[in-house]
Amino acid sequence: MTPVHLKNLLLGSALAAVFSASAAARPFDISGGSLEAALDAYTAQTGTPLIVSNEAIRGIHSNGVKGDLPPGEALLHLLEGTGFTTQRDPSGAIGIVPKQRSSAADISPLQLAQAAPRPSVETVTVTSSK
């Protein structure tokens, strides 16, 4: 094995160990209540900084999270039912953003009618003889 291949193998193994360690389950005990307080508790327990607009989440309730979970899964449990989700920035930062609404139920009937295909007009030729 060449030194370059060995170096790449070792670097890959080290990165895999770092990523698997951050994904390892850990105990969470964050009570339900304001989403702002729940996210603060999550940051305190994980050391993971979150980018969030406190004004956007003001008055939003979280059901909390309890149990041994990977940090990412625990964060998703905190956000469940709040209308918010996570968005990872290319830098690795985690943002808390509103969920995108995309279901057909969110489209008004007027939009559905406009989106419907136009009925085709069929040409009919009538001939007669006497």
Protein backbone atom coordinates (compact mmCIF):
# COMPACT_ATOMS: atom_id res chain seq x y z
CA MET A 1 0.00 0.00 0.00
CA THR A 2 1.44 3.37 -0.97
CA PRO A 3 1.87 6.15 1.62
CA VAL A 4 -0.83 8.25 -0.11
CA HIS A 5 -3.38 5.44 0.04
CA LEU A 6 -2.54 4.76 3.68
CA LYS A 7 -2.90 8.45 4.52
CA ASN A 8 -6.31 8.61 2.79
CA LEU A 9 -7.44 5.45 4.56
CA LEU A 10 -6.43 6.83 7.96
CA LEU A 11 -8.06 10.20 7.25
CA GLY A 12 -11.26 8.47 6.13
CA SER A 13 -11.29 6.32 9.26
CA ALA A 14 -10.77 9.34 11.49
CA LEU A 15 -13.60 11.25 9.82
CA ALA A 16 -15.91 8.24 10.09
CA ALA A 17 -15.13 7.99 13.81
CA VAL A 18 -15.90 11.70 14.32
CA PHE A 19 -19.21 11.50 12.46
CA SER A 20 -20.32 8.29 14.15
CA ALA A 21 -19.45 9.71 17.57
CA SER A 22 -21.61 12.78 16.92
CA ALA A 23 -24.46 10.49 15.80
CA ALA A 24 -24.19 8.19 18.83
CA ALA A 25 -27.23 8.05 21.07
CA ARG A 26 -27.08 10.07 24.25
CA PRO A 27 -29.60 10.70 27.01
CA PHE A 28 -31.99 13.62 26.52
CA ASP A 29 -34.47 14.95 29.06
CA ILE A 30 -35.94 18.18 27.74
CA SER A 31 -39.36 19.07 29.11
CA GLY A 32 -42.21 20.27 26.95
CA GLY A 33 -42.85 23.98 26.93
CA SER A 34 -41.72 26.91 24.85
CA LEU A 35 -39.74 25.97 21.76
CA GLU A 36 -37.21 28.67 22.63
CA ALA A 37 -36.49 27.07 26.03
CA ALA A 38 -36.38 23.57 24.49
CA LEU A 39 -33.83 24.65 21.86
CA ASP A 40 -31.74 26.39 24.52
CA ALA A 41 -31.74 23.16 26.57
CA TYR A 42 -30.79 21.16 23.44
CA THR A 43 -27.84 23.48 22.78
CA ALA A 44 -26.76 23.21 26.43
CA GLN A 45 -26.90 19.39 26.34
CA THR A 46 -25.21 18.90 22.96
CA GLY A 47 -22.97 21.94 22.57
CA THR A 48 -24.43 22.29 19.06
CA PRO A 49 -25.15 25.93 18.19
CA LEU A 50 -28.42 26.56 16.39
CA ILE A 51 -29.35 29.46 14.15
CA VAL A 52 -32.91 30.50 14.97
CA SER A 53 -35.01 33.65 15.02
CA ASN A 54 -36.37 33.93 18.56
CA GLU A 55 -39.09 36.20 17.21
CA ALA A 56 -40.21 33.49 14.73
CA ILE A 57 -40.51 30.81 17.43
CA ARG A 58 -42.02 33.04 20.12
CA GLY A 59 -45.22 31.45 21.43
CA ILE A 60 -44.51 28.08 19.78
CA HIS A 61 -44.85 25.00 22.01
CA SER A 62 -42.58 21.94 21.90
CA ASN A 63 -43.49 18.55 23.35
CA GLY A 64 -39.89 18.10 24.48
CA VAL A 65 -37.85 14.93 24.13
CA LYS A 66 -36.82 12.19 26.52
CA GLY A 67 -34.71 9.11 25.94
CA ASP A 68 -31.46 7.90 24.44
CA LEU A 69 -31.30 9.33 20.92
CA PRO A 70 -28.75 10.63 18.45
CA PRO A 71 -28.64 14.45 18.67
CA GLY A 72 -30.13 14.97 15.21
CA GLU A 73 -33.09 12.74 15.99
CA ALA A 74 -33.63 14.45 19.35
CA LEU A 75 -33.74 17.83 17.60
CA LEU A 76 -36.35 16.56 15.14
CA HIS A 77 -38.45 15.30 18.08
CA LEU A 78 -38.25 18.76 19.67
CA LEU A 79 -39.49 20.33 16.44
CA GLU A 80 -42.25 17.77 15.81
CA GLY A 81 -45.63 19.49 15.50
CA THR A 82 -44.16 22.99 15.73
CA GLY A 83 -44.21 23.87 12.03
CA PHE A 84 -40.41 24.17 12.05
CA THR A 85 -37.66 21.92 10.72
CA THR A 86 -33.89 21.91 10.41
CA GLN A 87 -31.82 23.14 7.50
CA ARG A 88 -28.10 22.47 7.41
CA ASP A 89 -25.96 25.27 6.01
CA PRO A 90 -22.97 24.37 3.79
CA SER A 91 -20.76 25.54 6.66
CA GLY A 92 -22.32 22.83 8.85
CA ALA A 93 -24.44 25.21 10.94
CA ILE A 94 -27.96 24.03 11.75
CA GLY A 95 -30.78 26.50 11.15
CA ILE A 96 -34.31 26.21 12.48
CA VAL A 97 -36.66 27.26 9.68
CA PRO A 98 -40.40 27.09 8.95
CA LYS A 99 -41.49 23.93 7.12
CA GLN A 100 -42.35 24.38 3.47
CA ARG A 101 -46.01 23.73 2.79
CA SER A 102 -46.38 21.60 -0.31
CA SER A 103 -49.41 19.37 0.01
CA ALA A 104 -52.35 19.55 -2.40
CA ALA A 105 -54.56 20.53 0.54
CA ASP A 106 -52.64 23.82 0.76
CA ILE A 107 -53.59 24.81 -2.80
CA SER A 108 -56.77 26.84 -3.07
CA PRO A 109 -59.57 25.59 -5.36
CA LEU A 110 -59.01 28.57 -7.66
CA GLN A 111 -55.41 27.51 -8.21
CA LEU A 112 -56.52 23.93 -8.87
CA ALA A 113 -59.04 25.09 -11.45
CA GLN A 114 -56.41 27.20 -13.19
CA ALA A 115 -53.99 24.30 -13.20
CA ALA A 116 -56.51 21.89 -14.76
CA PRO A 117 -55.85 21.07 -18.40
CA ARG A 118 -58.14 22.73 -20.91
CA PRO A 119 -60.73 20.41 -22.38
CA SER A 120 -59.87 19.61 -25.97
CA VAL A 121 -62.31 20.61 -28.68
CA GLU A 122 -63.13 17.76 -30.97
CA THR A 123 -63.79 18.51 -34.62
CA VAL A 124 -66.94 16.83 -35.93
CA THR A 125 -67.69 16.80 -39.65
CA VAL A 126 -71.34 16.28 -40.59
CA THR A 127 -72.24 15.18 -44.08
CA SER A 128 -75.66 14.61 -45.45
CA SER A 129 -77.16 13.38 -48.66
CA LYS A 130 -80.67 13.49 -50.04
